[in-house]
Each structure stands twice: as structure tokens, then as C-alpha cells.
């Protein structure tokens, strides 16, 4: 036992060429997540993590800044082509998508996956006076 030494395993850096970008743009925040094709997260960021507070979190500028950070992190792991999935009614949608292309990612497709109710909840009982 005197001669045994333990060596720490080094974490291997994933090299991913193609992936998915999920943009969740709400009225209050913008969250961007980059995953590989299996759904394993490579990088993520939100307006809140960039010190935007209150009403500034949902602005197009905040979304642009978030996209910049996420793309730089993702490109370090080899990402070049992405499919974009946008969810939500926020105003940061367009600027975030635009920023992905500007920073050098090849955007293969853009899908809007905002949930839309087919008939919604049951309405309240009519009030009788």
C-alpha cells in the first residue's frame, strides 16, 4: 500500500459540431440553452446572470448579450451548426436569433415551439344576480 498513488481523472472536453439552441423569451427574462443533439447541456445563460435587473432583463439588448456569451462558450466546445427552438412571447426573440448568426454559427432551422392552448381552461361559472 505504500507505493500506491491515486491520480485524479481529468474531465474530457466534449467536441460537438452540431447542436440545438433553446431560446425561452418571456415577458420578464430571456434564457438561452445550448445542447448537443442528445439534449445534454453544453452552455446556458440568462439575462439575470448578466446582472440585468427588473425591466431591463426582458429587453432585446439583454437577449443579445446573453446570446453572445452562450455562443462563445459553445464555440469553445466545437459547435458550428445549430437548430434553433424559440419559446415564448418575449421581445428578445428576434435579437437573440440574429446574434447567433452574426457570431458565426450556421443556423440550419428555426422552430417556434410556443405552447398554444387548443381550447384553454374551462371558463368560470356565469354570475347570476
N, C-alpha and C. Protein backbone atom coordinates (compact mmCIF):
# COMPACT_ATOMS: atom_id res chain seq x y z
N UNK A 1 0.80 -1.20 0.00
CA UNK A 1 0.00 0.00 0.00
C UNK A 1 0.85 1.26 0.00
N UNK A 2 2.07 1.14 0.38
CA UNK A 2 2.92 2.32 0.49
C UNK A 2 3.23 2.92 -0.88
N UNK A 3 3.24 2.09 -1.92
CA UNK A 3 3.64 2.56 -3.24
C UNK A 3 2.48 3.03 -4.11
N UNK A 4 1.23 2.90 -3.65
CA UNK A 4 0.09 3.27 -4.49
C UNK A 4 -0.22 4.76 -4.35
N UNK A 5 -0.41 5.37 -5.49
CA UNK A 5 -0.81 6.79 -5.51
C UNK A 5 -2.09 6.91 -6.32
N UNK A 6 -2.95 7.79 -5.89
CA UNK A 6 -4.20 7.99 -6.61
C UNK A 6 -4.05 9.17 -7.55
N UNK A 7 -4.46 8.97 -8.78
CA UNK A 7 -4.42 10.06 -9.75
C UNK A 7 -5.84 10.48 -10.06
N UNK A 8 -6.03 11.77 -10.14
CA UNK A 8 -7.35 12.31 -10.42
C UNK A 8 -7.65 12.21 -11.90
N UNK A 9 -8.86 11.78 -12.22
CA UNK A 9 -9.27 11.71 -13.62
C UNK A 9 -9.50 13.12 -14.14
N UNK A 10 -8.99 13.37 -15.31
CA UNK A 10 -9.19 14.68 -15.93
C UNK A 10 -10.49 14.66 -16.72
N UNK A 11 -11.29 15.69 -16.59
CA UNK A 11 -12.56 15.76 -17.29
C UNK A 11 -12.30 16.06 -18.77
N UNK A 12 -12.80 15.19 -19.63
CA UNK A 12 -12.59 15.38 -21.06
C UNK A 12 -13.52 16.45 -21.59
N UNK A 13 -12.97 17.27 -22.49
CA UNK A 13 -13.77 18.32 -23.10
C UNK A 13 -14.54 17.72 -24.28
N UNK A 14 -15.86 17.91 -24.28
CA UNK A 14 -16.66 17.37 -25.37
C UNK A 14 -16.43 18.21 -26.62
N UNK A 15 -16.36 17.53 -27.76
CA UNK A 15 -16.26 18.24 -29.03
C UNK A 15 -17.55 17.96 -29.80
N UNK A 16 -18.37 18.97 -29.93
CA UNK A 16 -19.68 18.83 -30.56
C UNK A 16 -19.74 19.75 -31.77
N UNK A 17 -20.06 19.19 -32.95
CA UNK A 17 -20.11 20.00 -34.17
C UNK A 17 -21.51 20.59 -34.39
N UNK A 18 -22.54 19.80 -34.06
CA UNK A 18 -23.91 20.22 -34.32
C UNK A 18 -24.73 20.13 -33.03
N UNK A 19 -25.65 21.08 -32.83
CA UNK A 19 -26.44 21.07 -31.61
C UNK A 19 -27.75 21.81 -31.75
N UNK A 20 -28.41 22.00 -30.62
CA UNK A 20 -29.69 22.72 -30.57
C UNK A 20 -29.55 23.92 -29.65
N UNK A 21 -30.23 25.01 -30.01
CA UNK A 21 -30.27 26.21 -29.17
C UNK A 21 -31.73 26.44 -28.79
N UNK A 22 -31.98 26.50 -27.48
CA UNK A 22 -33.34 26.75 -26.98
C UNK A 22 -33.38 28.15 -26.41
N UNK A 23 -34.24 28.99 -26.98
CA UNK A 23 -34.40 30.37 -26.51
C UNK A 23 -35.76 30.48 -25.86
N UNK A 24 -35.77 30.76 -24.56
CA UNK A 24 -37.03 30.94 -23.84
C UNK A 24 -37.14 32.43 -23.53
N UNK A 25 -38.01 33.10 -24.27
CA UNK A 25 -38.17 34.55 -24.14
C UNK A 25 -39.51 34.86 -23.50
N UNK A 26 -39.51 35.15 -22.21
CA UNK A 26 -40.73 35.51 -21.52
C UNK A 26 -40.81 37.03 -21.42
N UNK A 27 -41.88 37.51 -20.81
CA UNK A 27 -42.02 38.96 -20.63
C UNK A 27 -41.04 39.48 -19.59
N UNK A 28 -40.51 38.60 -18.74
CA UNK A 28 -39.64 39.02 -17.65
C UNK A 28 -38.18 38.65 -17.82
N UNK A 29 -37.85 37.72 -18.70
CA UNK A 29 -36.47 37.23 -18.77
C UNK A 29 -36.23 36.56 -20.12
N UNK A 30 -34.96 36.34 -20.46
CA UNK A 30 -34.59 35.57 -21.63
C UNK A 30 -33.54 34.55 -21.21
N UNK A 31 -33.82 33.27 -21.44
CA UNK A 31 -32.91 32.19 -21.08
C UNK A 31 -32.53 31.45 -22.35
N UNK A 32 -31.23 31.27 -22.56
CA UNK A 32 -30.74 30.57 -23.74
C UNK A 32 -29.92 29.37 -23.30
N UNK A 33 -30.26 28.19 -23.85
CA UNK A 33 -29.56 26.96 -23.52
C UNK A 33 -29.07 26.32 -24.81
N UNK A 34 -27.81 25.88 -24.83
CA UNK A 34 -27.24 25.19 -25.98
C UNK A 34 -27.00 23.74 -25.58
N UNK A 35 -27.51 22.81 -26.39
CA UNK A 35 -27.35 21.39 -26.09
C UNK A 35 -26.77 20.67 -27.31
N UNK A 36 -26.27 19.45 -27.08
CA UNK A 36 -25.91 18.61 -28.22
C UNK A 36 -27.20 17.97 -28.74
N UNK A 37 -27.08 17.13 -29.75
CA UNK A 37 -28.28 16.56 -30.35
C UNK A 37 -29.00 15.57 -29.43
N UNK A 38 -28.31 15.07 -28.40
CA UNK A 38 -28.96 14.18 -27.43
C UNK A 38 -29.68 14.93 -26.33
N UNK A 39 -29.45 16.24 -26.23
CA UNK A 39 -30.10 17.04 -25.20
C UNK A 39 -29.23 17.33 -24.00
N UNK A 40 -27.96 16.96 -24.05
CA UNK A 40 -27.04 17.26 -22.95
C UNK A 40 -26.58 18.71 -23.05
N UNK A 41 -26.72 19.45 -21.97
CA UNK A 41 -26.42 20.88 -21.99
C UNK A 41 -24.93 21.14 -22.16
N UNK A 42 -24.60 22.04 -23.08
CA UNK A 42 -23.22 22.47 -23.30
C UNK A 42 -22.98 23.80 -22.60
N UNK A 43 -23.91 24.74 -22.80
CA UNK A 43 -23.77 26.06 -22.19
C UNK A 43 -25.16 26.67 -22.02
N UNK A 44 -25.28 27.56 -21.05
CA UNK A 44 -26.55 28.27 -20.85
C UNK A 44 -26.26 29.60 -20.18
N UNK A 45 -27.19 30.53 -20.34
CA UNK A 45 -27.10 31.82 -19.67
C UNK A 45 -28.48 32.48 -19.70
N UNK A 46 -28.67 33.46 -18.84
CA UNK A 46 -29.92 34.21 -18.83
C UNK A 46 -29.61 35.67 -18.59
N UNK A 47 -30.61 36.51 -18.77
CA UNK A 47 -30.43 37.94 -18.54
C UNK A 47 -30.08 38.22 -17.09
N UNK A 48 -30.63 37.44 -16.19
CA UNK A 48 -30.35 37.62 -14.77
C UNK A 48 -28.91 37.32 -14.40
N UNK A 49 -28.30 36.34 -15.07
CA UNK A 49 -26.90 36.02 -14.77
C UNK A 49 -25.94 37.09 -15.28
N UNK A 50 -26.43 37.97 -16.16
CA UNK A 50 -25.61 39.07 -16.68
C UNK A 50 -25.88 40.38 -15.96
N UNK A 51 -26.42 40.28 -14.76
CA UNK A 51 -26.65 41.44 -13.90
C UNK A 51 -27.69 42.42 -14.44
N UNK A 52 -28.56 41.96 -15.35
CA UNK A 52 -29.69 42.79 -15.74
C UNK A 52 -30.76 42.59 -14.68
N UNK A 53 -31.35 43.66 -14.22
CA UNK A 53 -32.36 43.55 -13.16
C UNK A 53 -33.64 44.24 -13.60
N UNK A 54 -34.76 43.72 -13.09
CA UNK A 54 -36.06 44.36 -13.31
C UNK A 54 -36.47 44.36 -14.77
N UNK A 55 -36.92 45.52 -15.24
CA UNK A 55 -37.47 45.63 -16.59
C UNK A 55 -36.40 45.47 -17.67
N UNK A 56 -35.14 45.65 -17.33
CA UNK A 56 -34.06 45.54 -18.32
C UNK A 56 -33.79 44.09 -18.73
N UNK A 57 -34.25 43.12 -17.90
CA UNK A 57 -33.99 41.71 -18.20
C UNK A 57 -34.66 41.25 -19.48
N UNK A 58 -35.79 41.84 -19.82
CA UNK A 58 -36.55 41.35 -20.98
C UNK A 58 -36.28 42.15 -22.25
N UNK A 59 -35.28 43.02 -22.25
CA UNK A 59 -35.02 43.86 -23.43
C UNK A 59 -34.27 43.07 -24.51
N UNK A 60 -34.34 43.55 -25.76
CA UNK A 60 -33.58 42.91 -26.84
C UNK A 60 -32.06 43.00 -26.61
N UNK A 61 -31.60 44.08 -26.00
CA UNK A 61 -30.17 44.21 -25.73
C UNK A 61 -29.69 43.14 -24.76
N UNK A 62 -30.49 42.86 -23.73
CA UNK A 62 -30.14 41.82 -22.77
C UNK A 62 -30.08 40.46 -23.46
N UNK A 63 -31.04 40.18 -24.34
CA UNK A 63 -31.07 38.91 -25.06
C UNK A 63 -29.84 38.78 -25.97
N UNK A 64 -29.45 39.88 -26.58
CA UNK A 64 -28.28 39.90 -27.46
C UNK A 64 -27.01 39.59 -26.66
N UNK A 65 -26.89 40.19 -25.49
CA UNK A 65 -25.72 39.96 -24.64
C UNK A 65 -25.66 38.52 -24.17
N UNK A 66 -26.81 37.97 -23.81
CA UNK A 66 -26.88 36.58 -23.36
C UNK A 66 -26.46 35.65 -24.50
N UNK A 67 -26.98 35.90 -25.70
CA UNK A 67 -26.65 35.06 -26.86
C UNK A 67 -25.15 35.10 -27.14
N UNK A 68 -24.55 36.26 -27.02
CA UNK A 68 -23.12 36.42 -27.25
C UNK A 68 -22.32 35.51 -26.32
N UNK A 69 -22.65 35.56 -25.04
CA UNK A 69 -21.94 34.77 -24.04
C UNK A 69 -22.10 33.27 -24.30
N UNK A 70 -23.33 32.85 -24.56
CA UNK A 70 -23.60 31.44 -24.77
C UNK A 70 -22.89 30.91 -26.01
N UNK A 71 -22.89 31.69 -27.08
CA UNK A 71 -22.25 31.24 -28.32
C UNK A 71 -20.75 31.11 -28.13
N UNK A 72 -20.14 32.03 -27.41
CA UNK A 72 -18.70 31.93 -27.17
C UNK A 72 -18.37 30.67 -26.37
N UNK A 73 -19.16 30.37 -25.35
CA UNK A 73 -18.93 29.15 -24.56
C UNK A 73 -19.11 27.91 -25.44
N UNK A 74 -20.16 27.92 -26.28
CA UNK A 74 -20.47 26.75 -27.11
C UNK A 74 -19.42 26.55 -28.20
N UNK A 75 -18.94 27.63 -28.78
CA UNK A 75 -17.95 27.51 -29.85
C UNK A 75 -16.61 27.00 -29.31
N UNK A 76 -16.34 27.22 -28.03
CA UNK A 76 -15.13 26.66 -27.43
C UNK A 76 -15.17 25.14 -27.40
N UNK A 77 -16.38 24.58 -27.37
CA UNK A 77 -16.50 23.12 -27.39
C UNK A 77 -16.73 22.59 -28.81
N UNK A 78 -16.52 23.43 -29.82
CA UNK A 78 -16.53 22.97 -31.20
C UNK A 78 -17.84 23.12 -31.95
N UNK A 79 -18.81 23.79 -31.39
CA UNK A 79 -20.12 23.90 -32.03
C UNK A 79 -20.06 24.82 -33.25
N UNK A 80 -20.66 24.39 -34.38
CA UNK A 80 -20.67 25.20 -35.60
C UNK A 80 -22.05 25.34 -36.22
N UNK A 81 -22.89 24.29 -36.13
CA UNK A 81 -24.22 24.31 -36.75
C UNK A 81 -25.28 24.08 -35.67
N UNK A 82 -26.39 24.84 -35.76
CA UNK A 82 -27.42 24.71 -34.74
C UNK A 82 -28.82 24.73 -35.34
N UNK A 83 -29.73 24.06 -34.64
CA UNK A 83 -31.17 24.19 -34.87
C UNK A 83 -31.69 25.03 -33.72
N UNK A 84 -32.50 26.04 -34.03
CA UNK A 84 -32.98 26.96 -33.01
C UNK A 84 -34.45 26.68 -32.70
N UNK A 85 -34.76 26.59 -31.40
CA UNK A 85 -36.13 26.41 -30.94
C UNK A 85 -36.47 27.60 -30.04
N UNK A 86 -37.49 28.37 -30.44
CA UNK A 86 -37.86 29.57 -29.71
C UNK A 86 -39.19 29.34 -29.01
N UNK A 87 -39.25 29.71 -27.72
CA UNK A 87 -40.47 29.55 -26.96
C UNK A 87 -40.77 30.84 -26.22
N UNK A 88 -42.01 31.27 -26.29
CA UNK A 88 -42.44 32.43 -25.51
C UNK A 88 -42.68 33.68 -26.32
N UNK A 89 -43.39 34.64 -25.73
CA UNK A 89 -43.79 35.85 -26.43
C UNK A 89 -42.86 37.05 -26.22
N UNK A 90 -41.73 36.87 -25.58
CA UNK A 90 -40.87 38.00 -25.20
C UNK A 90 -40.29 38.75 -26.39
N UNK A 91 -39.81 39.96 -26.10
CA UNK A 91 -39.28 40.80 -27.19
C UNK A 91 -37.82 40.52 -27.48
N UNK A 92 -37.19 39.60 -26.76
CA UNK A 92 -35.80 39.27 -27.01
C UNK A 92 -35.60 38.18 -28.04
N UNK A 93 -36.69 37.66 -28.58
CA UNK A 93 -36.61 36.53 -29.52
C UNK A 93 -35.77 36.83 -30.75
N UNK A 94 -36.16 37.88 -31.46
CA UNK A 94 -35.54 38.19 -32.75
C UNK A 94 -34.07 38.54 -32.61
N UNK A 95 -33.75 39.39 -31.63
CA UNK A 95 -32.36 39.83 -31.49
C UNK A 95 -31.45 38.68 -31.08
N UNK A 96 -31.97 37.73 -30.29
CA UNK A 96 -31.16 36.58 -29.89
C UNK A 96 -30.86 35.69 -31.10
N UNK A 97 -31.85 35.45 -31.94
CA UNK A 97 -31.65 34.63 -33.14
C UNK A 97 -30.67 35.31 -34.09
N UNK A 98 -30.84 36.60 -34.28
CA UNK A 98 -29.96 37.37 -35.17
C UNK A 98 -28.52 37.30 -34.69
N UNK A 99 -28.34 37.39 -33.39
CA UNK A 99 -26.99 37.39 -32.82
C UNK A 99 -26.29 36.04 -33.03
N UNK A 100 -27.05 34.95 -33.04
CA UNK A 100 -26.44 33.63 -33.27
C UNK A 100 -25.75 33.58 -34.63
N UNK A 101 -26.42 34.11 -35.65
CA UNK A 101 -25.86 34.11 -36.99
C UNK A 101 -24.67 35.05 -37.12
N UNK A 102 -24.77 36.20 -36.47
CA UNK A 102 -23.71 37.20 -36.56
C UNK A 102 -22.40 36.67 -35.96
N UNK A 103 -22.51 35.89 -34.90
CA UNK A 103 -21.32 35.41 -34.19
C UNK A 103 -20.68 34.18 -34.85
N UNK A 104 -21.24 33.71 -35.95
CA UNK A 104 -20.56 32.67 -36.71
C UNK A 104 -21.16 31.28 -36.64
N UNK A 105 -22.30 31.12 -36.00
CA UNK A 105 -22.97 29.82 -36.01
C UNK A 105 -23.83 29.71 -37.27
N UNK A 106 -23.84 28.54 -37.88
CA UNK A 106 -24.71 28.32 -39.03
C UNK A 106 -26.06 27.86 -38.50
N UNK A 107 -27.09 28.69 -38.70
CA UNK A 107 -28.44 28.37 -38.23
C UNK A 107 -29.13 27.54 -39.32
N UNK A 108 -29.38 26.25 -39.02
CA UNK A 108 -29.98 25.35 -40.00
C UNK A 108 -31.50 25.49 -40.06
N UNK A 109 -32.13 25.66 -38.89
CA UNK A 109 -33.58 25.79 -38.86
C UNK A 109 -34.00 26.59 -37.65
N UNK A 110 -35.16 27.25 -37.76
CA UNK A 110 -35.74 28.00 -36.65
C UNK A 110 -37.17 27.49 -36.45
N UNK A 111 -37.46 26.97 -35.26
CA UNK A 111 -38.79 26.46 -34.95
C UNK A 111 -39.38 27.22 -33.78
N UNK A 112 -40.66 27.59 -33.90
CA UNK A 112 -41.36 28.22 -32.79
C UNK A 112 -42.13 27.14 -32.05
N UNK A 113 -41.75 26.88 -30.80
CA UNK A 113 -42.38 25.82 -30.03
C UNK A 113 -43.19 26.39 -28.87
N UNK A 114 -43.71 27.61 -29.05
CA UNK A 114 -44.52 28.24 -28.02
C UNK A 114 -45.80 27.43 -27.82
N UNK A 115 -46.11 27.04 -26.59
CA UNK A 115 -47.33 26.26 -26.38
C UNK A 115 -48.58 27.12 -26.61
N UNK A 116 -49.51 26.60 -27.39
CA UNK A 116 -50.74 27.32 -27.69
C UNK A 116 -51.91 26.45 -27.23
N UNK A 117 -52.79 26.97 -26.36
CA UNK A 117 -53.92 26.15 -25.91
C UNK A 117 -54.91 25.95 -27.06
N UNK A 118 -55.42 24.73 -27.21
CA UNK A 118 -56.37 24.45 -28.28
C UNK A 118 -57.75 24.99 -27.93
N UNK A 119 -58.12 24.89 -26.67
CA UNK A 119 -59.39 25.48 -26.27
C UNK A 119 -59.30 26.13 -24.90
N UNK A 120 -58.17 25.99 -24.25
CA UNK A 120 -57.95 26.66 -22.98
C UNK A 120 -58.66 26.01 -21.81
N UNK A 121 -58.63 26.69 -20.69
CA UNK A 121 -59.27 26.20 -19.47
C UNK A 121 -60.78 26.40 -19.55
N UNK A 122 -61.47 25.69 -18.72
CA UNK A 122 -62.91 25.86 -18.65
C UNK A 122 -63.21 27.21 -18.01
N UNK A 123 -64.11 28.00 -18.62
CA UNK A 123 -64.40 29.33 -18.06
C UNK A 123 -65.17 29.24 -16.74
N UNK A 124 -65.14 30.34 -16.01
CA UNK A 124 -65.87 30.39 -14.75
C UNK A 124 -67.37 30.28 -14.97
N UNK A 125 -68.04 29.83 -13.94
CA UNK A 125 -69.50 29.74 -13.96
C UNK A 125 -70.06 31.15 -14.11
N UNK A 126 -71.12 31.32 -14.93
CA UNK A 126 -71.72 32.63 -15.17
C UNK A 126 -72.33 33.17 -13.87
N UNK A 127 -72.12 34.45 -13.62
CA UNK A 127 -72.62 35.07 -12.40
C UNK A 127 -74.10 35.37 -12.54
N UNK A 128 -74.90 34.95 -11.53
CA UNK A 128 -76.33 35.23 -11.57
C UNK A 128 -76.67 36.23 -10.48
N UNK A 129 -77.43 37.23 -10.85
CA UNK A 129 -77.82 38.27 -9.88
C UNK A 129 -79.31 38.21 -9.66
